């Protein structure tokens, strides 16, 4: 969002409802650096970021985050990320049950 939409870190943090420090940590690869996305998912994330950056709707962040989260759950991507970090609880079926 910062690079593509030409926002500074403070503006991005305000749009997302997070701290400027959190945005900074993503840029310094202290958060999320081990997550790799397909070209298709990167495009979906970019589209959501553009909508968040440009929309005047109050609920746009929640709307876009929910849409991305649904996409990740329905494709079992959260399970893959949990396995990478070895944090998936044994017998976890959250994605399967939520996306029935």
PDB file of N, CA and C in Angstrom:
ATOM      1  N   UNK A   1       0.834  -1.192   0.000  1.00  0.00           N
ATOM      2  CA  UNK A   1       0.000   0.000   0.000  1.00  0.00           C
ATOM      3  C   UNK A   1       0.874   1.249   0.000  1.00  0.00           C
ATOM      4  N   UNK A   2       1.932   1.214   0.756  1.00  0.00           N
ATOM      5  CA  UNK A   2       2.805   2.384   0.857  1.00  0.00           C
ATOM      6  C   UNK A   2       3.491   2.654  -0.480  1.00  0.00           C
ATOM      7  N   UNK A   3       4.035   1.613  -1.083  1.00  0.00           N
ATOM      8  CA  UNK A   3       4.765   1.802  -2.337  1.00  0.00           C
ATOM      9  C   UNK A   3       3.821   2.018  -3.519  1.00  0.00           C
ATOM     10  N   UNK A   4       2.852   1.129  -3.690  1.00  0.00           N
ATOM     11  CA  UNK A   4       1.961   1.193  -4.853  1.00  0.00           C
ATOM     12  C   UNK A   4       1.017   2.385  -4.825  1.00  0.00           C
ATOM     13  N   UNK A   5       0.559   2.768  -3.653  1.00  0.00           N
ATOM     14  CA  UNK A   5      -0.431   3.841  -3.534  1.00  0.00           C
ATOM     15  C   UNK A   5       0.194   5.171  -3.117  1.00  0.00           C
ATOM     16  N   UNK A   6       1.506   5.174  -2.977  1.00  0.00           N
ATOM     17  CA  UNK A   6       2.245   6.395  -2.623  1.00  0.00           C
ATOM     18  C   UNK A   6       1.756   7.016  -1.312  1.00  0.00           C
ATOM     19  N   UNK A   7       1.546   6.157  -0.319  1.00  0.00           N
ATOM     20  CA  UNK A   7       1.195   6.619   1.022  1.00  0.00           C
ATOM     21  C   UNK A   7       2.435   6.503   1.893  1.00  0.00           C
ATOM     22  N   UNK A   8       2.541   7.373   2.884  1.00  0.00           N
ATOM     23  CA  UNK A   8       3.628   7.180   3.834  1.00  0.00           C
ATOM     24  C   UNK A   8       3.165   6.183   4.900  1.00  0.00           C
ATOM     25  N   UNK A   9       4.071   5.763   5.755  1.00  0.00           N
ATOM     26  CA  UNK A   9       3.742   4.738   6.750  1.00  0.00           C
ATOM     27  C   UNK A   9       2.643   5.197   7.700  1.00  0.00           C
ATOM     28  N   UNK A  10       2.654   6.458   8.067  1.00  0.00           N
ATOM     29  CA  UNK A  10       1.623   6.982   8.973  1.00  0.00           C
ATOM     30  C   UNK A  10       0.247   6.888   8.323  1.00  0.00           C
ATOM     31  N   UNK A  11       0.158   7.285   7.059  1.00  0.00           N
ATOM     32  CA  UNK A  11      -1.127   7.247   6.359  1.00  0.00           C
ATOM     33  C   UNK A  11      -1.624   5.808   6.195  1.00  0.00           C
ATOM     34  N   UNK A  12      -0.717   4.894   5.879  1.00  0.00           N
ATOM     35  CA  UNK A  12      -1.089   3.484   5.742  1.00  0.00           C
ATOM     36  C   UNK A  12      -1.595   2.937   7.076  1.00  0.00           C
ATOM     37  N   UNK A  13      -0.910   3.276   8.153  1.00  0.00           N
ATOM     38  CA  UNK A  13      -1.324   2.823   9.484  1.00  0.00           C
ATOM     39  C   UNK A  13      -2.718   3.338   9.825  1.00  0.00           C
ATOM     40  N   UNK A  14      -2.978   4.605   9.521  1.00  0.00           N
ATOM     41  CA  UNK A  14      -4.303   5.182   9.786  1.00  0.00           C
ATOM     42  C   UNK A  14      -5.380   4.464   8.981  1.00  0.00           C
ATOM     43  N   UNK A  15      -5.121   4.212   7.713  1.00  0.00           N
ATOM     44  CA  UNK A  15      -6.093   3.528   6.850  1.00  0.00           C
ATOM     45  C   UNK A  15      -6.412   2.134   7.375  1.00  0.00           C
ATOM     46  N   UNK A  16      -5.373   1.431   7.852  1.00  0.00           N
ATOM     47  CA  UNK A  16      -5.537   0.050   8.294  1.00  0.00           C
ATOM     48  C   UNK A  16      -5.963  -0.076   9.751  1.00  0.00           C
ATOM     49  N   UNK A  17      -5.870   1.005  10.503  1.00  0.00           N
ATOM     50  CA  UNK A  17      -6.225   0.952  11.914  1.00  0.00           C
ATOM     51  C   UNK A  17      -5.189   0.226  12.753  1.00  0.00           C
ATOM     52  N   UNK A  18      -3.929   0.337  12.346  1.00  0.00           N
ATOM     53  CA  UNK A  18      -2.832  -0.269  13.102  1.00  0.00           C
ATOM     54  C   UNK A  18      -1.812   0.826  13.419  1.00  0.00           C
ATOM     55  N   UNK A  19      -0.803   0.467  14.185  1.00  0.00           N
ATOM     56  CA  UNK A  19       0.195   1.473  14.550  1.00  0.00           C
ATOM     57  C   UNK A  19       1.200   1.673  13.421  1.00  0.00           C
ATOM     58  N   UNK A  20       1.807   2.831  13.430  1.00  0.00           N
ATOM     59  CA  UNK A  20       2.866   3.112  12.460  1.00  0.00           C
ATOM     60  C   UNK A  20       4.045   2.165  12.687  1.00  0.00           C
ATOM     61  N   UNK A  21       4.275   1.801  13.940  1.00  0.00           N
ATOM     62  CA  UNK A  21       5.357   0.863  14.264  1.00  0.00           C
ATOM     63  C   UNK A  21       5.117  -0.498  13.610  1.00  0.00           C
ATOM     64  N   UNK A  22       3.858  -0.943  13.574  1.00  0.00           N
ATOM     65  CA  UNK A  22       3.539  -2.223  12.932  1.00  0.00           C
ATOM     66  C   UNK A  22       3.842  -2.163  11.439  1.00  0.00           C
ATOM     67  N   UNK A  23       3.457  -1.073  10.793  1.00  0.00           N
ATOM     68  CA  UNK A  23       3.754  -0.903   9.366  1.00  0.00           C
ATOM     69  C   UNK A  23       5.268  -0.940   9.159  1.00  0.00           C
ATOM     70  N   UNK A  24       5.997  -0.252  10.006  1.00  0.00           N
ATOM     71  CA  UNK A  24       7.453  -0.212   9.914  1.00  0.00           C
ATOM     72  C   UNK A  24       8.057  -1.610  10.037  1.00  0.00           C
ATOM     73  N   UNK A  25       7.513  -2.429  10.929  1.00  0.00           N
ATOM     74  CA  UNK A  25       8.038  -3.784  11.120  1.00  0.00           C
ATOM     75  C   UNK A  25       7.866  -4.640   9.871  1.00  0.00           C
ATOM     76  N   UNK A  26       6.768  -4.440   9.142  1.00  0.00           N
ATOM     77  CA  UNK A  26       6.592  -5.181   7.891  1.00  0.00           C
ATOM     78  C   UNK A  26       7.658  -4.775   6.880  1.00  0.00           C
ATOM     79  N   UNK A  27       7.979  -3.495   6.826  1.00  0.00           N
ATOM     80  CA  UNK A  27       9.006  -3.029   5.892  1.00  0.00           C
ATOM     81  C   UNK A  27      10.398  -3.503   6.277  1.00  0.00           C
ATOM     82  N   UNK A  28      10.627  -3.703   7.559  1.00  0.00           N
ATOM     83  CA  UNK A  28      11.932  -4.177   8.027  1.00  0.00           C
ATOM     84  C   UNK A  28      11.986  -5.704   8.082  1.00  0.00           C
ATOM     85  N   UNK A  29      10.949  -6.359   7.541  1.00  0.00           N
ATOM     86  CA  UNK A  29      10.845  -7.822   7.505  1.00  0.00           C
ATOM     87  C   UNK A  29      10.866  -8.466   8.887  1.00  0.00           C
ATOM     88  N   UNK A  30      10.373  -7.740   9.887  1.00  0.00           N
ATOM     89  CA  UNK A  30      10.256  -8.310  11.227  1.00  0.00           C
ATOM     90  C   UNK A  30       8.919  -9.031  11.387  1.00  0.00           C
ATOM     91  N   UNK A  31       7.998  -8.784  10.462  1.00  0.00           N
ATOM     92  CA  UNK A  31       6.694  -9.457  10.453  1.00  0.00           C
ATOM     93  C   UNK A  31       6.404  -9.916   9.031  1.00  0.00           C
ATOM     94  N   UNK A  32       5.886 -11.127   8.915  1.00  0.00           N
ATOM     95  CA  UNK A  32       5.383 -11.598   7.634  1.00  0.00           C
ATOM     96  C   UNK A  32       6.411 -11.883   6.562  1.00  0.00           C
ATOM     97  N   UNK A  33       7.686 -11.847   6.888  1.00  0.00           N
ATOM     98  CA  UNK A  33       8.708 -12.009   5.850  1.00  0.00           C
ATOM     99  C   UNK A  33       8.796 -13.436   5.317  1.00  0.00           C
ATOM    100  N   UNK A  34       8.332 -14.409   6.088  1.00  0.00           N
ATOM    101  CA  UNK A  34       8.414 -15.800   5.637  1.00  0.00           C
ATOM    102  C   UNK A  34       7.184 -16.229   4.836  1.00  0.00           C
ATOM    103  N   UNK A  35       6.242 -15.335   4.634  1.00  0.00           N
ATOM    104  CA  UNK A  35       5.030 -15.657   3.888  1.00  0.00           C
ATOM    105  C   UNK A  35       5.261 -15.404   2.402  1.00  0.00           C
ATOM    106  N   UNK A  36       5.059 -16.428   1.604  1.00  0.00           N
ATOM    107  CA  UNK A  36       5.214 -16.321   0.156  1.00  0.00           C
ATOM    108  C   UNK A  36       3.841 -16.533  -0.484  1.00  0.00           C
ATOM    109  N   UNK A  37       3.499 -15.676  -1.434  1.00  0.00           N
ATOM    110  CA  UNK A  37       2.196 -15.730  -2.078  1.00  0.00           C
ATOM    111  C   UNK A  37       2.338 -15.970  -3.571  1.00  0.00           C
ATOM    112  N   UNK A  38       1.350 -16.642  -4.142  1.00  0.00           N
ATOM    113  CA  UNK A  38       1.316 -16.837  -5.589  1.00  0.00           C
ATOM    114  C   UNK A  38       1.048 -15.496  -6.266  1.00  0.00           C
ATOM    115  N   UNK A  39       1.289 -15.448  -7.553  1.00  0.00           N
ATOM    116  CA  UNK A  39       1.043 -14.228  -8.327  1.00  0.00           C
ATOM    117  C   UNK A  39      -0.430 -13.824  -8.214  1.00  0.00           C
ATOM    118  N   UNK A  40      -1.318 -14.803  -8.290  1.00  0.00           N
ATOM    119  CA  UNK A  40      -2.758 -14.535  -8.184  1.00  0.00           C
ATOM    120  C   UNK A  40      -3.110 -13.899  -6.840  1.00  0.00           C
ATOM    121  N   UNK A  41      -2.582 -14.452  -5.760  1.00  0.00           N
ATOM    122  CA  UNK A  41      -2.868 -13.906  -4.434  1.00  0.00           C
ATOM    123  C   UNK A  41      -2.263 -12.522  -4.251  1.00  0.00           C
ATOM    124  N   UNK A  42      -1.074 -12.315  -4.776  1.00  0.00           N
ATOM    125  CA  UNK A  42      -0.468 -10.979  -4.707  1.00  0.00           C
ATOM    126  C   UNK A  42      -1.362  -9.962  -5.403  1.00  0.00           C
ATOM    127  N   UNK A  43      -1.927 -10.352  -6.540  1.00  0.00           N
ATOM    128  CA  UNK A  43      -2.834  -9.448  -7.257  1.00  0.00           C
ATOM    129  C   UNK A  43      -4.079  -9.142  -6.436  1.00  0.00           C
ATOM    130  N   UNK A  44      -4.630 -10.148  -5.763  1.00  0.00           N
ATOM    131  CA  UNK A  44      -5.814  -9.939  -4.921  1.00  0.00           C
ATOM    132  C   UNK A  44      -5.482  -9.023  -3.745  1.00  0.00           C
ATOM    133  N   UNK A  45      -4.317  -9.214  -3.163  1.00  0.00           N
ATOM    134  CA  UNK A  45      -3.882  -8.370  -2.042  1.00  0.00           C
ATOM    135  C   UNK A  45      -3.684  -6.933  -2.518  1.00  0.00           C
ATOM    136  N   UNK A  46      -3.082  -6.770  -3.686  1.00  0.00           N
ATOM    137  CA  UNK A  46      -2.895  -5.421  -4.247  1.00  0.00           C
ATOM    138  C   UNK A  46      -4.236  -4.741  -4.520  1.00  0.00           C
ATOM    139  N   UNK A  47      -5.196  -5.505  -5.065  1.00  0.00           N
ATOM    140  CA  UNK A  47      -6.523  -4.933  -5.331  1.00  0.00           C
ATOM    141  C   UNK A  47      -7.185  -4.484  -4.037  1.00  0.00           C
ATOM    142  N   UNK A  48      -7.065  -5.297  -2.988  1.00  0.00           N
ATOM    143  CA  UNK A  48      -7.637  -4.932  -1.690  1.00  0.00           C
ATOM    144  C   UNK A  48      -6.945  -3.688  -1.135  1.00  0.00           C
ATOM    145  N   UNK A  49      -5.628  -3.630  -1.250  1.00  0.00           N
ATOM    146  CA  UNK A  49      -4.877  -2.464  -0.762  1.00  0.00           C
ATOM    147  C   UNK A  49      -5.289  -1.202  -1.504  1.00  0.00           C
ATOM    148  N   UNK A  50      -5.468  -1.314  -2.804  1.00  0.00           N
ATOM    149  CA  UNK A  50      -5.889  -0.148  -3.592  1.00  0.00           C
ATOM    150  C   UNK A  50      -7.268   0.320  -3.160  1.00  0.00           C
ATOM    151  N   UNK A  51      -8.169  -0.625  -2.948  1.00  0.00           N
ATOM    152  CA  UNK A  51      -9.524  -0.272  -2.506  1.00  0.00           C
ATOM    153  C   UNK A  51      -9.476   0.412  -1.136  1.00  0.00           C
ATOM    154  N   UNK A  52      -8.675  -0.121  -0.229  1.00  0.00           N
ATOM    155  CA  UNK A  52      -8.542   0.472   1.106  1.00  0.00           C
ATOM    156  C   UNK A  52      -7.944   1.876   1.008  1.00  0.00           C
ATOM    157  N   UNK A  53      -6.933   2.024   0.181  1.00  0.00           N
ATOM    158  CA  UNK A  53      -6.240   3.313   0.064  1.00  0.00           C
ATOM    159  C   UNK A  53      -7.100   4.393  -0.575  1.00  0.00           C
ATOM    160  N   UNK A  54      -7.997   4.005  -1.475  1.00  0.00           N
ATOM    161  CA  UNK A  54      -8.734   5.011  -2.249  1.00  0.00           C
ATOM    162  C   UNK A  54     -10.193   5.185  -1.855  1.00  0.00           C
ATOM    163  N   UNK A  55     -10.750   4.230  -1.152  1.00  0.00           N
ATOM    164  CA  UNK A  55     -12.178   4.285  -0.829  1.00  0.00           C
ATOM    165  C   UNK A  55     -12.474   5.255   0.312  1.00  0.00           C
ATOM    166  N   UNK A  56     -13.637   5.839   0.267  1.00  0.00           N
ATOM    167  CA  UNK A  56     -14.107   6.725   1.338  1.00  0.00           C
ATOM    168  C   UNK A  56     -15.043   5.979   2.299  1.00  0.00           C
ATOM    169  N   UNK A  57     -15.381   4.730   1.963  1.00  0.00           N
ATOM    170  CA  UNK A  57     -16.291   3.947   2.799  1.00  0.00           C
ATOM    171  C   UNK A  57     -15.634   3.649   4.150  1.00  0.00           C
ATOM    172  N   UNK A  58     -16.390   3.845   5.226  1.00  0.00           N
ATOM    173  CA  UNK A  58     -15.860   3.602   6.573  1.00  0.00           C
ATOM    174  C   UNK A  58     -15.536   2.129   6.809  1.00  0.00           C
ATOM    175  N   UNK A  59     -16.269   1.254   6.176  1.00  0.00           N
ATOM    176  CA  UNK A  59     -16.145  -0.176   6.433  1.00  0.00           C
ATOM    177  C   UNK A  59     -15.226  -0.890   5.442  1.00  0.00           C
ATOM    178  N   UNK A  60     -14.536  -0.164   4.587  1.00  0.00           N
ATOM    179  CA  UNK A  60     -13.755  -0.786   3.517  1.00  0.00           C
ATOM    180  C   UNK A  60     -12.648  -1.701   4.041  1.00  0.00           C
ATOM    181  N   UNK A  61     -12.000  -1.348   5.136  1.00  0.00           N
ATOM    182  CA  UNK A  61     -10.926  -2.195   5.665  1.00  0.00           C
ATOM    183  C   UNK A  61     -11.489  -3.544   6.092  1.00  0.00           C
ATOM    184  N   UNK A  62     -12.561  -3.517   6.858  1.00  0.00           N
ATOM    185  CA  UNK A  62     -13.172  -4.768   7.315  1.00  0.00           C
ATOM    186  C   UNK A  62     -13.642  -5.590   6.120  1.00  0.00           C
ATOM    187  N   UNK A  63     -14.280  -4.937   5.164  1.00  0.00           N
ATOM    188  CA  UNK A  63     -14.783  -5.616   3.968  1.00  0.00           C
ATOM    189  C   UNK A  63     -13.646  -6.319   3.215  1.00  0.00           C
ATOM    190  N   UNK A  64     -12.567  -5.625   2.985  1.00  0.00           N
ATOM    191  CA  UNK A  64     -11.462  -6.189   2.211  1.00  0.00           C
ATOM    192  C   UNK A  64     -10.697  -7.259   2.994  1.00  0.00           C
ATOM    193  N   UNK A  65     -10.482  -7.034   4.278  1.00  0.00           N
ATOM    194  CA  UNK A  65      -9.789  -8.034   5.103  1.00  0.00           C
ATOM    195  C   UNK A  65     -10.621  -9.311   5.186  1.00  0.00           C
ATOM    196  N   UNK A  66     -11.927  -9.172   5.358  1.00  0.00           N
ATOM    197  CA  UNK A  66     -12.803 -10.351   5.414  1.00  0.00           C
ATOM    198  C   UNK A  66     -12.777 -11.124   4.100  1.00  0.00           C
ATOM    199  N   UNK A  67     -12.788 -10.411   2.984  1.00  0.00           N
ATOM    200  CA  UNK A  67     -12.742 -11.071   1.678  1.00  0.00           C
ATOM    201  C   UNK A  67     -11.425 -11.832   1.500  1.00  0.00           C
ATOM    202  N   UNK A  68     -10.321 -11.206   1.883  1.00  0.00           N
ATOM    203  CA  UNK A  68      -9.025 -11.885   1.785  1.00  0.00           C
ATOM    204  C   UNK A  68      -8.954 -13.079   2.729  1.00  0.00           C
ATOM    205  N   UNK A  69      -9.448 -12.899   3.934  1.00  0.00           N
ATOM    206  CA  UNK A  69      -9.432 -13.987   4.919  1.00  0.00           C
ATOM    207  C   UNK A  69     -10.251 -15.176   4.415  1.00  0.00           C
ATOM    208  N   UNK A  70     -11.420 -14.901   3.851  1.00  0.00           N
ATOM    209  CA  UNK A  70     -12.249 -15.981   3.306  1.00  0.00           C
ATOM    210  C   UNK A  70     -11.487 -16.720   2.201  1.00  0.00           C
ATOM    211  N   UNK A  71     -10.839 -15.968   1.327  1.00  0.00           N
ATOM    212  CA  UNK A  71     -10.075 -16.576   0.244  1.00  0.00           C
ATOM    213  C   UNK A  71      -8.970 -17.469   0.814  1.00  0.00           C
ATOM    214  N   UNK A  72      -8.267 -16.976   1.822  1.00  0.00           N
ATOM    215  CA  UNK A  72      -7.184 -17.754   2.425  1.00  0.00           C
ATOM    216  C   UNK A  72      -7.725 -19.018   3.096  1.00  0.00           C
ATOM    217  N   UNK A  73      -8.824 -18.873   3.838  1.00  0.00           N
ATOM    218  CA  UNK A  73      -9.395 -20.042   4.516  1.00  0.00           C
ATOM    219  C   UNK A  73      -9.914 -21.059   3.518  1.00  0.00           C
ATOM    220  N   UNK A  74     -10.648 -20.601   2.506  1.00  0.00           N
ATOM    221  CA  UNK A  74     -11.263 -21.530   1.563  1.00  0.00           C
ATOM    222  C   UNK A  74     -10.221 -22.289   0.740  1.00  0.00           C
ATOM    223  N   UNK A  75      -9.041 -21.724   0.593  1.00  0.00           N
ATOM    224  CA  UNK A  75      -7.962 -22.402  -0.139  1.00  0.00           C
ATOM    225  C   UNK A  75      -6.988 -23.108   0.807  1.00  0.00           C
ATOM    226  N   UNK A  76      -7.348 -23.152   2.077  1.00  0.00           N
ATOM    227  CA  UNK A  76      -6.553 -23.818   3.106  1.00  0.00           C
ATOM    228  C   UNK A  76      -5.152 -23.204   3.256  1.00  0.00           C
ATOM    229  N   UNK A  77      -5.013 -21.942   2.909  1.00  0.00           N
ATOM    230  CA  UNK A  77      -3.706 -21.284   2.985  1.00  0.00           C
ATOM    231  C   UNK A  77      -3.288 -20.997   4.419  1.00  0.00           C
ATOM    232  N   UNK A  78      -4.251 -20.721   5.297  1.00  0.00           N
ATOM    233  CA  UNK A  78      -3.889 -20.484   6.697  1.00  0.00           C
ATOM    234  C   UNK A  78      -3.265 -21.738   7.292  1.00  0.00           C
ATOM    235  N   UNK A  79      -3.791 -22.891   6.890  1.00  0.00           N
ATOM    236  CA  UNK A  79      -3.215 -24.153   7.366  1.00  0.00           C
ATOM    237  C   UNK A  79      -1.761 -24.282   6.918  1.00  0.00           C
ATOM    238  N   UNK A  80      -1.496 -23.909   5.668  1.00  0.00           N
ATOM    239  CA  UNK A  80      -0.122 -23.977   5.154  1.00  0.00           C
ATOM    240  C   UNK A  80       0.803 -23.048   5.934  1.00  0.00           C
ATOM    241  N   UNK A  81       0.320 -21.837   6.243  1.00  0.00           N
ATOM    242  CA  UNK A  81       1.147 -20.901   7.002  1.00  0.00           C
ATOM    243  C   UNK A  81       1.365 -21.395   8.425  1.00  0.00           C
ATOM    244  N   UNK A  82       0.348 -22.009   9.020  1.00  0.00           N
ATOM    245  CA  UNK A  82       0.526 -22.571  10.358  1.00  0.00           C
ATOM    246  C   UNK A  82       1.581 -23.673  10.334  1.00  0.00           C
ATOM    247  N   UNK A  83       1.570 -24.483   9.302  1.00  0.00           N
ATOM    248  CA  UNK A  83       2.557 -25.565   9.204  1.00  0.00           C
ATOM    249  C   UNK A  83       3.972 -25.017   9.063  1.00  0.00           C
ATOM    250  N   UNK A  84       4.117 -23.910   8.329  1.00  0.00           N
ATOM    251  CA  UNK A  84       5.437 -23.294   8.161  1.00  0.00           C
ATOM    252  C   UNK A  84       5.995 -22.891   9.521  1.00  0.00           C
ATOM    253  N   UNK A  85       5.161 -22.277  10.337  1.00  0.00           N
ATOM    254  CA  UNK A  85       5.592 -21.823  11.663  1.00  0.00           C
ATOM    255  C   UNK A  85       5.478 -22.909  12.719  1.00  0.00           C
ATOM    256  N   UNK A  86       4.984 -24.084  12.318  1.00  0.00           N
ATOM    257  CA  UNK A  86       4.777 -25.198  13.245  1.00  0.00           C
ATOM    258  C   UNK A  86       3.878 -24.791  14.410  1.00  0.00           C
ATOM    259  N   UNK A  87       2.867 -23.977  14.110  1.00  0.00           N
ATOM    260  CA  UNK A  87       1.965 -23.507  15.161  1.00  0.00           C
ATOM    261  C   UNK A  87       0.552 -24.058  14.994  1.00  0.00           C
ATOM    262  N   UNK A  88       0.349 -24.931  14.015  1.00  0.00           N
ATOM    263  CA  UNK A  88      -0.989 -25.478  13.798  1.00  0.00           C
ATOM    264  C   UNK A  88      -1.297 -26.464  14.922  1.00  0.00           C
ATOM    265  N   UNK A  89      -2.380 -26.211  15.659  1.00  0.00           N
ATOM    266  CA  UNK A  89      -2.752 -27.152  16.717  1.00  0.00           C
ATOM    267  C   UNK A  89      -3.062 -28.532  16.134  1.00  0.00           C
ATOM    268  N   UNK A  90      -2.688 -29.559  16.831  1.00  0.00           N
ATOM    269  CA  UNK A  90      -2.926 -30.924  16.375  1.00  0.00           C
ATOM    270  C   UNK A  90      -4.427 -31.146  16.183  1.00  0.00           C
ATOM    271  N   UNK A  91      -4.796 -31.664  15.038  1.00  0.00           N
ATOM    272  CA  UNK A  91      -6.199 -31.948  14.755  1.00  0.00           C
ATOM    273  C   UNK A  91      -7.028 -30.721  14.415  1.00  0.00           C
ATOM    274  N   UNK A  92      -6.402 -29.595  14.121  1.00  0.00           N
ATOM    275  CA  UNK A  92      -7.123 -28.360  13.800  1.00  0.00           C
ATOM    276  C   UNK A  92      -7.941 -28.541  12.527  1.00  0.00           C
ATOM    277  N   UNK A  93      -9.220 -28.148  12.585  1.00  0.00           N
ATOM    278  CA  UNK A  93     -10.100 -28.232  11.421  1.00  0.00           C
ATOM    279  C   UNK A  93     -10.881 -26.937  11.237  1.00  0.00           C
ATOM    280  N   UNK A  94     -10.339 -25.841  11.716  1.00  0.00           N
ATOM    281  CA  UNK A  94     -11.038 -24.559  11.655  1.00  0.00           C
ATOM    282  C   UNK A  94     -11.390 -24.197  10.220  1.00  0.00           C
ATOM    283  N   UNK A  95     -10.411 -24.220   9.322  1.00  0.00           N
ATOM    284  CA  UNK A  95     -10.680 -23.835   7.927  1.00  0.00           C
ATOM    285  C   UNK A  95     -11.731 -24.747   7.302  1.00  0.00           C
ATOM    286  N   UNK A  96     -11.607 -26.048   7.533  1.00  0.00           N
ATOM    287  CA  UNK A  96     -12.566 -26.997   6.969  1.00  0.00           C
ATOM    288  C   UNK A  96     -13.979 -26.705   7.460  1.00  0.00           C
ATOM    289  N   UNK A  97     -14.136 -26.448   8.739  1.00  0.00           N
ATOM    290  CA  UNK A  97     -15.461 -26.240   9.316  1.00  0.00           C
ATOM    291  C   UNK A  97     -16.052 -24.891   8.942  1.00  0.00           C
ATOM    292  N   UNK A  98     -15.242 -23.853   8.882  1.00  0.00           N
ATOM    293  CA  UNK A  98     -15.737 -22.516   8.568  1.00  0.00           C
ATOM    294  C   UNK A  98     -16.129 -22.404   7.103  1.00  0.00           C
ATOM    295  N   UNK A  99     -15.434 -23.108   6.241  1.00  0.00           N
ATOM    296  CA  UNK A  99     -15.654 -22.966   4.792  1.00  0.00           C
ATOM    297  C   UNK A  99     -16.517 -24.077   4.204  1.00  0.00           C
ATOM    298  N   UNK A 100     -17.347 -24.707   5.006  1.00  0.00           N
ATOM    299  CA  UNK A 100     -18.245 -25.758   4.494  1.00  0.00           C
ATOM    300  C   UNK A 100     -19.231 -25.188   3.513  1.00  0.00           C
TER     301      UNK A 100
END
